[in-house]
Amino acid sequence: MKKDLHPESYRTVIFRDINANESWLGRSCANTRDTDTWEDGNEYPLIKLEISNVSHPFFTGKMQFVDTAGRIDKFNKKFGKSRFAKKIEEQEEA
């Protein structure tokens, strides 16, 4: 690699496609809080992906639906009673 080309935090990480439950090692400088142990016994930072070439319909030829409605319901359940949600409801009624 060329010197001073990559950031200091450029390191080996585990990428995991959570829909296909497939993992692979790669290099990234993305921030992550999770770690996991790889097959070689070393612990690496874990980056969770919702979609990759392993699960994307273009590469697999199979349609898979991502549960976005479930995420919206979960968000509304968590923050629906907040002070900001009440202001939005009042504006819609007016």
PDB file of N, CA and C in Angstrom:
ATOM      1  N   MET A   1       0.827  -1.185   0.000  1.00  0.00           N
ATOM      2  CA  MET A   1       0.000   0.000   0.000  1.00  0.00           C
ATOM      3  C   MET A   1       0.872   1.249   0.000  1.00  0.00           C
ATOM      4  N   LYS A   2       0.347   2.289  -0.594  1.00  0.00           N
ATOM      5  CA  LYS A   2       1.040   3.564  -0.558  1.00  0.00           C
ATOM      6  C   LYS A   2       0.967   4.156   0.839  1.00  0.00           C
ATOM      7  N   LYS A   3       2.005   4.869   1.221  1.00  0.00           N
ATOM      8  CA  LYS A   3       2.025   5.499   2.532  1.00  0.00           C
ATOM      9  C   LYS A   3       1.033   6.652   2.576  1.00  0.00           C
ATOM     10  N   ASP A   4       0.418   6.836   3.745  1.00  0.00           N
ATOM     11  CA  ASP A   4      -0.512   7.929   4.027  1.00  0.00           C
ATOM     12  C   ASP A   4      -1.736   7.936   3.109  1.00  0.00           C
ATOM     13  N   LEU A   5      -2.065   6.792   2.517  1.00  0.00           N
ATOM     14  CA  LEU A   5      -3.224   6.713   1.646  1.00  0.00           C
ATOM     15  C   LEU A   5      -4.493   6.379   2.439  1.00  0.00           C
ATOM     16  N   HIS A   6      -4.381   5.472   3.405  1.00  0.00           N
ATOM     17  CA  HIS A   6      -5.530   5.034   4.190  1.00  0.00           C
ATOM     18  C   HIS A   6      -5.509   5.660   5.581  1.00  0.00           C
ATOM     19  N   PRO A   7      -6.662   5.811   6.179  1.00  0.00           N
ATOM     20  CA  PRO A   7      -6.718   6.352   7.542  1.00  0.00           C
ATOM     21  C   PRO A   7      -6.018   5.420   8.537  1.00  0.00           C
ATOM     22  N   GLU A   8      -5.718   5.948   9.698  1.00  0.00           N
ATOM     23  CA  GLU A   8      -5.043   5.161  10.738  1.00  0.00           C
ATOM     24  C   GLU A   8      -5.918   3.999  11.216  1.00  0.00           C
ATOM     25  N   SER A   9      -7.232   4.167  11.182  1.00  0.00           N
ATOM     26  CA  SER A   9      -8.135   3.146  11.714  1.00  0.00           C
ATOM     27  C   SER A   9      -8.456   2.045  10.696  1.00  0.00           C
ATOM     28  N   TYR A  10      -7.790   2.002   9.565  1.00  0.00           N
ATOM     29  CA  TYR A  10      -8.018   0.981   8.535  1.00  0.00           C
ATOM     30  C   TYR A  10      -7.536  -0.353   9.074  1.00  0.00           C
ATOM     31  N   ARG A  11      -8.470  -1.313   9.246  1.00  0.00           N
ATOM     32  CA  ARG A  11      -8.119  -2.568   9.887  1.00  0.00           C
ATOM     33  C   ARG A  11      -8.947  -3.710   9.323  1.00  0.00           C
ATOM     34  N   THR A  12      -8.598  -4.935   9.710  1.00  0.00           N
ATOM     35  CA  THR A  12      -9.350  -6.116   9.308  1.00  0.00           C
ATOM     36  C   THR A  12     -10.621  -6.203  10.147  1.00  0.00           C
ATOM     37  N   VAL A  13     -11.743  -6.445   9.479  1.00  0.00           N
ATOM     38  CA  VAL A  13     -13.039  -6.548  10.153  1.00  0.00           C
ATOM     39  C   VAL A  13     -13.802  -7.750   9.600  1.00  0.00           C
ATOM     40  N   ILE A  14     -14.827  -8.159  10.337  1.00  0.00           N
ATOM     41  CA  ILE A  14     -15.746  -9.196   9.870  1.00  0.00           C
ATOM     42  C   ILE A  14     -16.992  -8.498   9.335  1.00  0.00           C
ATOM     43  N   PHE A  15     -17.345  -8.777   8.096  1.00  0.00           N
ATOM     44  CA  PHE A  15     -18.601  -8.312   7.530  1.00  0.00           C
ATOM     45  C   PHE A  15     -19.596  -9.455   7.637  1.00  0.00           C
ATOM     46  N   ARG A  16     -20.807  -9.178   8.146  1.00  0.00           N
ATOM     47  CA  ARG A  16     -21.831 -10.215   8.256  1.00  0.00           C
ATOM     48  C   ARG A  16     -23.126  -9.716   7.636  1.00  0.00           C
ATOM     49  N   ASP A  17     -23.607 -10.459   6.648  1.00  0.00           N
ATOM     50  CA  ASP A  17     -24.917 -10.205   6.052  1.00  0.00           C
ATOM     51  C   ASP A  17     -25.935 -10.849   6.983  1.00  0.00           C
ATOM     52  N   ILE A  18     -26.719 -10.028   7.680  1.00  0.00           N
ATOM     53  CA  ILE A  18     -27.628 -10.566   8.685  1.00  0.00           C
ATOM     54  C   ILE A  18     -28.836 -11.280   8.074  1.00  0.00           C
ATOM     55  N   ASN A  19     -29.177 -10.997   6.826  1.00  0.00           N
ATOM     56  CA  ASN A  19     -30.293 -11.679   6.174  1.00  0.00           C
ATOM     57  C   ASN A  19     -29.896 -13.067   5.690  1.00  0.00           C
ATOM     58  N   ALA A  20     -28.667 -13.232   5.213  1.00  0.00           N
ATOM     59  CA  ALA A  20     -28.213 -14.520   4.699  1.00  0.00           C
ATOM     60  C   ALA A  20     -27.363 -15.272   5.711  1.00  0.00           C
ATOM     61  N   ASN A  21     -27.010 -14.624   6.826  1.00  0.00           N
ATOM     62  CA  ASN A  21     -26.152 -15.196   7.855  1.00  0.00           C
ATOM     63  C   ASN A  21     -24.823 -15.692   7.280  1.00  0.00           C
ATOM     64  N   GLU A  22     -24.237 -14.905   6.400  1.00  0.00           N
ATOM     65  CA  GLU A  22     -22.937 -15.192   5.809  1.00  0.00           C
ATOM     66  C   GLU A  22     -21.937 -14.158   6.319  1.00  0.00           C
ATOM     67  N   SER A  23     -20.703 -14.591   6.553  1.00  0.00           N
ATOM     68  CA  SER A  23     -19.664 -13.689   7.055  1.00  0.00           C
ATOM     69  C   SER A  23     -18.404 -13.840   6.226  1.00  0.00           C
ATOM     70  N   TRP A  24     -17.615 -12.761   6.164  1.00  0.00           N
ATOM     71  CA  TRP A  24     -16.324 -12.791   5.496  1.00  0.00           C
ATOM     72  C   TRP A  24     -15.433 -11.714   6.091  1.00  0.00           C
ATOM     73  N   LEU A  25     -14.141 -11.933   5.946  1.00  0.00           N
ATOM     74  CA  LEU A  25     -13.167 -10.953   6.427  1.00  0.00           C
ATOM     75  C   LEU A  25     -12.890  -9.932   5.338  1.00  0.00           C
ATOM     76  N   GLY A  26     -12.718  -8.716   5.742  1.00  0.00           N
ATOM     77  CA  GLY A  26     -12.378  -7.639   4.829  1.00  0.00           C
ATOM     78  C   GLY A  26     -11.635  -6.565   5.598  1.00  0.00           C
ATOM     79  N   ARG A  27     -11.408  -5.452   4.951  1.00  0.00           N
ATOM     80  CA  ARG A  27     -10.728  -4.348   5.610  1.00  0.00           C
ATOM     81  C   ARG A  27     -11.603  -3.113   5.495  1.00  0.00           C
ATOM     82  N   SER A  28     -11.672  -2.355   6.585  1.00  0.00           N
ATOM     83  CA  SER A  28     -12.522  -1.181   6.608  1.00  0.00           C
ATOM     84  C   SER A  28     -12.061  -0.245   7.714  1.00  0.00           C
ATOM     85  N   CYS A  29     -12.477   1.012   7.611  1.00  0.00           N
ATOM     86  CA  CYS A  29     -12.230   1.978   8.681  1.00  0.00           C
ATOM     87  C   CYS A  29     -13.556   2.439   9.286  1.00  0.00           C
ATOM     88  N   ALA A  30     -14.639   1.728   8.986  1.00  0.00           N
ATOM     89  CA  ALA A  30     -15.954   2.068   9.529  1.00  0.00           C
ATOM     90  C   ALA A  30     -15.974   1.817  11.030  1.00  0.00           C
ATOM     91  N   ASN A  31     -16.651   2.709  11.760  1.00  0.00           N
ATOM     92  CA  ASN A  31     -16.769   2.553  13.208  1.00  0.00           C
ATOM     93  C   ASN A  31     -17.778   1.475  13.539  1.00  0.00           C
ATOM     94  N   THR A  32     -17.500   0.703  14.577  1.00  0.00           N
ATOM     95  CA  THR A  32     -18.411  -0.332  15.035  1.00  0.00           C
ATOM     96  C   THR A  32     -18.198  -0.584  16.518  1.00  0.00           C
ATOM     97  N   ARG A  33     -19.272  -0.970  17.197  1.00  0.00           N
ATOM     98  CA  ARG A  33     -19.173  -1.288  18.627  1.00  0.00           C
ATOM     99  C   ARG A  33     -19.078  -2.786  18.862  1.00  0.00           C
ATOM    100  N   ASP A  34     -19.518  -3.593  17.897  1.00  0.00           N
ATOM    101  CA  ASP A  34     -19.578  -5.040  18.067  1.00  0.00           C
ATOM    102  C   ASP A  34     -18.274  -5.696  17.642  1.00  0.00           C
ATOM    103  N   THR A  35     -17.971  -6.814  18.270  1.00  0.00           N
ATOM    104  CA  THR A  35     -16.832  -7.640  17.885  1.00  0.00           C
ATOM    105  C   THR A  35     -17.293  -9.090  17.827  1.00  0.00           C
ATOM    106  N   ASP A  36     -16.522  -9.916  17.125  1.00  0.00           N
ATOM    107  CA  ASP A  36     -16.826 -11.334  17.034  1.00  0.00           C
ATOM    108  C   ASP A  36     -15.527 -12.083  16.796  1.00  0.00           C
ATOM    109  N   THR A  37     -15.539 -13.368  17.114  1.00  0.00           N
ATOM    110  CA  THR A  37     -14.357 -14.206  16.919  1.00  0.00           C
ATOM    111  C   THR A  37     -14.454 -14.907  15.583  1.00  0.00           C
ATOM    112  N   TRP A  38     -13.395 -14.827  14.783  1.00  0.00           N
ATOM    113  CA  TRP A  38     -13.355 -15.450  13.465  1.00  0.00           C
ATOM    114  C   TRP A  38     -12.853 -16.878  13.593  1.00  0.00           C
ATOM    115  N   GLU A  39     -12.856 -17.625  12.503  1.00  0.00           N
ATOM    116  CA  GLU A  39     -12.445 -19.029  12.487  1.00  0.00           C
ATOM    117  C   GLU A  39     -11.010 -19.234  12.932  1.00  0.00           C
ATOM    118  N   ASP A  40     -10.165 -18.218  12.766  1.00  0.00           N
ATOM    119  CA  ASP A  40      -8.765 -18.344  13.163  1.00  0.00           C
ATOM    120  C   ASP A  40      -8.553 -18.112  14.658  1.00  0.00           C
ATOM    121  N   GLY A  41      -9.635 -17.832  15.401  1.00  0.00           N
ATOM    122  CA  GLY A  41      -9.557 -17.635  16.843  1.00  0.00           C
ATOM    123  C   GLY A  41      -9.305 -16.200  17.262  1.00  0.00           C
ATOM    124  N   ASN A  42      -9.071 -15.306  16.315  1.00  0.00           N
ATOM    125  CA  ASN A  42      -8.844 -13.892  16.631  1.00  0.00           C
ATOM    126  C   ASN A  42     -10.165 -13.142  16.689  1.00  0.00           C
ATOM    127  N   GLU A  43     -10.204 -12.107  17.500  1.00  0.00           N
ATOM    128  CA  GLU A  43     -11.391 -11.277  17.624  1.00  0.00           C
ATOM    129  C   GLU A  43     -11.238 -10.042  16.752  1.00  0.00           C
ATOM    130  N   TYR A  44     -12.271  -9.761  15.944  1.00  0.00           N
ATOM    131  CA  TYR A  44     -12.259  -8.635  15.017  1.00  0.00           C
ATOM    132  C   TYR A  44     -13.513  -7.791  15.222  1.00  0.00           C
ATOM    133  N   PRO A  45     -13.466  -6.521  14.832  1.00  0.00           N
ATOM    134  CA  PRO A  45     -14.696  -5.717  14.839  1.00  0.00           C
ATOM    135  C   PRO A  45     -15.703  -6.312  13.855  1.00  0.00           C
ATOM    136  N   LEU A  46     -16.992  -6.201  14.190  1.00  0.00           N
ATOM    137  CA  LEU A  46     -18.059  -6.782  13.381  1.00  0.00           C
ATOM    138  C   LEU A  46     -18.897  -5.670  12.765  1.00  0.00           C
ATOM    139  N   ILE A  47     -19.060  -5.728  11.445  1.00  0.00           N
ATOM    140  CA  ILE A  47     -19.913  -4.790  10.726  1.00  0.00           C
ATOM    141  C   ILE A  47     -21.077  -5.594  10.159  1.00  0.00           C
ATOM    142  N   LYS A  48     -22.297  -5.236  10.606  1.00  0.00           N
ATOM    143  CA  LYS A  48     -23.496  -5.957  10.173  1.00  0.00           C
ATOM    144  C   LYS A  48     -24.088  -5.258   8.960  1.00  0.00           C
ATOM    145  N   LEU A  49     -24.359  -6.042   7.916  1.00  0.00           N
ATOM    146  CA  LEU A  49     -24.937  -5.533   6.680  1.00  0.00           C
ATOM    147  C   LEU A  49     -26.343  -6.094   6.517  1.00  0.00           C
ATOM    148  N   GLU A  50     -27.266  -5.268   6.053  1.00  0.00           N
ATOM    149  CA  GLU A  50     -28.619  -5.757   5.808  1.00  0.00           C
ATOM    150  C   GLU A  50     -28.717  -6.455   4.462  1.00  0.00           C
ATOM    151  N   ILE A  51     -27.884  -6.051   3.524  1.00  0.00           N
ATOM    152  CA  ILE A  51     -27.925  -6.659   2.196  1.00  0.00           C
ATOM    153  C   ILE A  51     -26.528  -6.612   1.590  1.00  0.00           C
ATOM    154  N   SER A  52     -26.169  -7.653   0.883  1.00  0.00           N
ATOM    155  CA  SER A  52     -24.869  -7.739   0.215  1.00  0.00           C
ATOM    156  C   SER A  52     -25.044  -8.579  -1.044  1.00  0.00           C
ATOM    157  N   ASN A  53     -23.957  -8.908  -1.692  1.00  0.00           N
ATOM    158  CA  ASN A  53     -24.060  -9.740  -2.889  1.00  0.00           C
ATOM    159  C   ASN A  53     -24.563 -11.143  -2.564  1.00  0.00           C
ATOM    160  N   VAL A  54     -24.483 -11.542  -1.306  1.00  0.00           N
ATOM    161  CA  VAL A  54     -24.957 -12.861  -0.896  1.00  0.00           C
ATOM    162  C   VAL A  54     -26.483 -12.913  -0.833  1.00  0.00           C
ATOM    163  N   SER A  55     -27.127 -11.778  -0.524  1.00  0.00           N
ATOM    164  CA  SER A  55     -28.579 -11.780  -0.370  1.00  0.00           C
ATOM    165  C   SER A  55     -29.322 -10.868  -1.354  1.00  0.00           C
ATOM    166  N   HIS A  56     -28.614 -10.109  -2.159  1.00  0.00           N
ATOM    167  CA  HIS A  56     -29.265  -9.180  -3.086  1.00  0.00           C
ATOM    168  C   HIS A  56     -29.908  -9.951  -4.240  1.00  0.00           C
ATOM    169  N   PRO A  57     -31.155  -9.626  -4.591  1.00  0.00           N
ATOM    170  CA  PRO A  57     -31.855 -10.351  -5.654  1.00  0.00           C
ATOM    171  C   PRO A  57     -31.139 -10.321  -7.000  1.00  0.00           C
ATOM    172  N   PHE A  58     -30.401  -9.271  -7.291  1.00  0.00           N
ATOM    173  CA  PHE A  58     -29.692  -9.213  -8.574  1.00  0.00           C
ATOM    174  C   PHE A  58     -28.674 -10.337  -8.685  1.00  0.00           C
ATOM    175  N   PHE A  59     -27.993 -10.644  -7.593  1.00  0.00           N
ATOM    176  CA  PHE A  59     -26.956 -11.681  -7.620  1.00  0.00           C
ATOM    177  C   PHE A  59     -27.509 -13.069  -7.354  1.00  0.00           C
ATOM    178  N   THR A  60     -28.578 -13.178  -6.569  1.00  0.00           N
ATOM    179  CA  THR A  60     -29.109 -14.490  -6.207  1.00  0.00           C
ATOM    180  C   THR A  60     -30.196 -14.978  -7.144  1.00  0.00           C
ATOM    181  N   GLY A  61     -30.908 -14.048  -7.800  1.00  0.00           N
ATOM    182  CA  GLY A  61     -32.025 -14.423  -8.650  1.00  0.00           C
ATOM    183  C   GLY A  61     -33.291 -14.720  -7.864  1.00  0.00           C
ATOM    184  N   LYS A  62     -33.258 -14.527  -6.550  1.00  0.00           N
ATOM    185  CA  LYS A  62     -34.419 -14.771  -5.694  1.00  0.00           C
ATOM    186  C   LYS A  62     -34.848 -13.459  -5.056  1.00  0.00           C
ATOM    187  N   MET A  63     -36.146 -13.260  -4.981  1.00  0.00           N
ATOM    188  CA  MET A  63     -36.662 -12.069  -4.323  1.00  0.00           C
ATOM    189  C   MET A  63     -36.747 -12.317  -2.823  1.00  0.00           C
ATOM    190  N   GLN A  64     -36.207 -11.385  -2.046  1.00  0.00           N
ATOM    191  CA  GLN A  64     -36.333 -11.433  -0.596  1.00  0.00           C
ATOM    192  C   GLN A  64     -36.868 -10.095  -0.143  1.00  0.00           C
ATOM    193  N   PHE A  65     -37.849 -10.129   0.704  1.00  0.00           N
ATOM    194  CA  PHE A  65     -38.425  -8.888   1.200  1.00  0.00           C
ATOM    195  C   PHE A  65     -37.811  -8.538   2.536  1.00  0.00           C
ATOM    196  N   VAL A  66     -37.369  -7.291   2.661  1.00  0.00           N
ATOM    197  CA  VAL A  66     -36.824  -6.797   3.908  1.00  0.00           C
ATOM    198  C   VAL A  66     -37.987  -6.262   4.734  1.00  0.00           C
ATOM    199  N   ASP A  67     -38.001  -6.566   5.989  1.00  0.00           N
ATOM    200  CA  ASP A  67     -39.114  -6.198   6.871  1.00  0.00           C
ATOM    201  C   ASP A  67     -39.026  -4.730   7.269  1.00  0.00           C
ATOM    202  N   THR A  68     -39.310  -3.833   6.312  1.00  0.00           N
ATOM    203  CA  THR A  68     -39.262  -2.410   6.630  1.00  0.00           C
ATOM    204  C   THR A  68     -40.495  -1.989   7.403  1.00  0.00           C
ATOM    205  N   ALA A  69     -41.631  -2.609   7.149  1.00  0.00           N
ATOM    206  CA  ALA A  69     -42.847  -2.248   7.880  1.00  0.00           C
ATOM    207  C   ALA A  69     -42.678  -2.574   9.353  1.00  0.00           C
ATOM    208  N   GLY A  70     -42.056  -3.682   9.653  1.00  0.00           N
ATOM    209  CA  GLY A  70     -41.806  -4.040  11.049  1.00  0.00           C
ATOM    210  C   GLY A  70     -40.916  -3.030  11.738  1.00  0.00           C
ATOM    211  N   ARG A  71     -39.943  -2.505  11.017  1.00  0.00           N
ATOM    212  CA  ARG A  71     -39.054  -1.495  11.590  1.00  0.00           C
ATOM    213  C   ARG A  71     -39.800  -0.197  11.854  1.00  0.00           C
ATOM    214  N   ILE A  72     -40.698   0.172  10.959  1.00  0.00           N
ATOM    215  CA  ILE A  72     -41.476   1.400  11.141  1.00  0.00           C
ATOM    216  C   ILE A  72     -42.394   1.256  12.345  1.00  0.00           C
ATOM    217  N   ASP A  73     -43.053   0.099  12.471  1.00  0.00           N
ATOM    218  CA  ASP A  73     -43.920  -0.140  13.628  1.00  0.00           C
ATOM    219  C   ASP A  73     -43.121  -0.111  14.925  1.00  0.00           C
ATOM    220  N   LYS A  74     -41.949  -0.702  14.903  1.00  0.00           N
ATOM    221  CA  LYS A  74     -41.086  -0.710  16.089  1.00  0.00           C
ATOM    222  C   LYS A  74     -40.687   0.715  16.467  1.00  0.00           C
ATOM    223  N   PHE A  75     -40.351   1.525  15.472  1.00  0.00           N
ATOM    224  CA  PHE A  75     -39.988   2.917  15.719  1.00  0.00           C
ATOM    225  C   PHE A  75     -41.168   3.687  16.299  1.00  0.00           C
ATOM    226  N   ASN A  76     -42.355   3.527  15.696  1.00  0.00           N
ATOM    227  CA  ASN A  76     -43.541   4.230  16.183  1.00  0.00           C
ATOM    228  C   ASN A  76     -43.915   3.792  17.595  1.00  0.00           C
ATOM    229  N   LYS A  77     -43.743   2.512  17.894  1.00  0.00           N
ATOM    230  CA  LYS A  77     -44.043   2.026  19.229  1.00  0.00           C
ATOM    231  C   LYS A  77     -43.075   2.628  20.247  1.00  0.00           C
ATOM    232  N   LYS A  78     -41.821   2.764  19.849  1.00  0.00           N
ATOM    233  CA  LYS A  78     -40.799   3.277  20.765  1.00  0.00           C
ATOM    234  C   LYS A  78     -40.921   4.784  20.968  1.00  0.00           C
ATOM    235  N   PHE A  79     -41.156   5.542  19.894  1.00  0.00           N
ATOM    236  CA  PHE A  79     -41.144   6.998  19.964  1.00  0.00           C
ATOM    237  C   PHE A  79     -42.513   7.632  19.722  1.00  0.00           C
ATOM    238  N   GLY A  80     -43.559   6.839  19.566  1.00  0.00           N
ATOM    239  CA  GLY A  80     -44.877   7.367  19.255  1.00  0.00           C
ATOM    240  C   GLY A  80     -45.480   8.209  20.355  1.00  0.00           C
ATOM    241  N   LYS A  81     -45.073   7.986  21.568  1.00  0.00           N
ATOM    242  CA  LYS A  81     -45.623   8.731  22.691  1.00  0.00           C
ATOM    243  C   LYS A  81     -44.698   9.863  23.137  1.00  0.00           C
ATOM    244  N   SER A  82     -43.700  10.167  22.367  1.00  0.00           N
ATOM    245  CA  SER A  82     -42.779  11.241  22.743  1.00  0.00           C
ATOM    246  C   SER A  82     -43.431  12.600  22.515  1.00  0.00           C
ATOM    247  N   ARG A  83     -42.842  13.622  23.050  1.00  0.00           N
ATOM    248  CA  ARG A  83     -43.407  14.967  22.918  1.00  0.00           C
ATOM    249  C   ARG A  83     -43.390  15.448  21.474  1.00  0.00           C
ATOM    250  N   PHE A  84     -42.468  14.942  20.653  1.00  0.00           N
ATOM    251  CA  PHE A  84     -42.398  15.349  19.254  1.00  0.00           C
ATOM    252  C   PHE A  84     -43.531  14.735  18.445  1.00  0.00           C
ATOM    253  N   ALA A  85     -43.910  13.503  18.744  1.00  0.00           N
ATOM    254  CA  ALA A  85     -44.994  12.836  18.020  1.00  0.00           C
ATOM    255  C   ALA A  85     -46.317  13.545  18.263  1.00  0.00           C
ATOM    256  N   LYS A  86     -46.526  14.036  19.479  1.00  0.00           N
ATOM    257  CA  LYS A  86     -47.772  14.729  19.790  1.00  0.00           C
ATOM    258  C   LYS A  86     -47.894  16.017  18.999  1.00  0.00           C
ATOM    259  N   LYS A  87     -46.809  16.726  18.808  1.00  0.00           N
ATOM    260  CA  LYS A  87     -46.847  17.959  18.034  1.00  0.00           C
ATOM    261  C   LYS A  87     -47.209  17.686  16.582  1.00  0.00           C
ATOM    262  N   ILE A  88     -46.705  16.617  16.034  1.00  0.00           N
ATOM    263  CA  ILE A  88     -46.982  16.267  14.625  1.00  0.00           C
ATOM    264  C   ILE A  88     -48.462  15.895  14.480  1.00  0.00           C
ATOM    265  N   GLU A  89     -49.008  15.122  15.434  1.00  0.00           N
ATOM    266  CA  GLU A  89     -50.412  14.743  15.367  1.00  0.00           C
ATOM    267  C   GLU A  89     -51.314  15.975  15.430  1.00  0.00           C
ATOM    268  N   GLU A  90     -50.980  16.926  16.301  1.00  0.00           N
ATOM    269  CA  GLU A  90     -51.777  18.150  16.420  1.00  0.00           C
ATOM    270  C   GLU A  90     -51.751  18.940  15.122  1.00  0.00           C
ATOM    271  N   GLN A  91     -50.621  18.978  14.439  1.00  0.00           N
ATOM    272  CA  GLN A  91     -50.507  19.714  13.177  1.00  0.00           C
ATOM    273  C   GLN A  91     -51.335  19.047  12.091  1.00  0.00           C
ATOM    274  N   GLU A  92     -51.377  17.724  12.096  1.00  0.00           N
ATOM    275  CA  GLU A  92     -52.140  17.009  11.067  1.00  0.00           C
ATOM    276  C   GLU A  92     -53.630  17.195  11.253  1.00  0.00           C
ATOM    277  N   GLU A  93     -54.094  17.314  12.503  1.00  0.00           N
ATOM    278  CA  GLU A  93     -55.514  17.502  12.763  1.00  0.00           C
ATOM    279  C   GLU A  93     -55.994  18.896  12.369  1.00  0.00           C
ATOM    280  N   ALA A  94     -55.114  19.868  12.444  1.00  0.00           N
ATOM    281  CA  ALA A  94     -55.504  21.261  12.159  1.00  0.00           C
ATOM    282  C   ALA A  94     -55.670  21.528  10.694  1.00  0.00           C
TER     283      ALA A  94
END
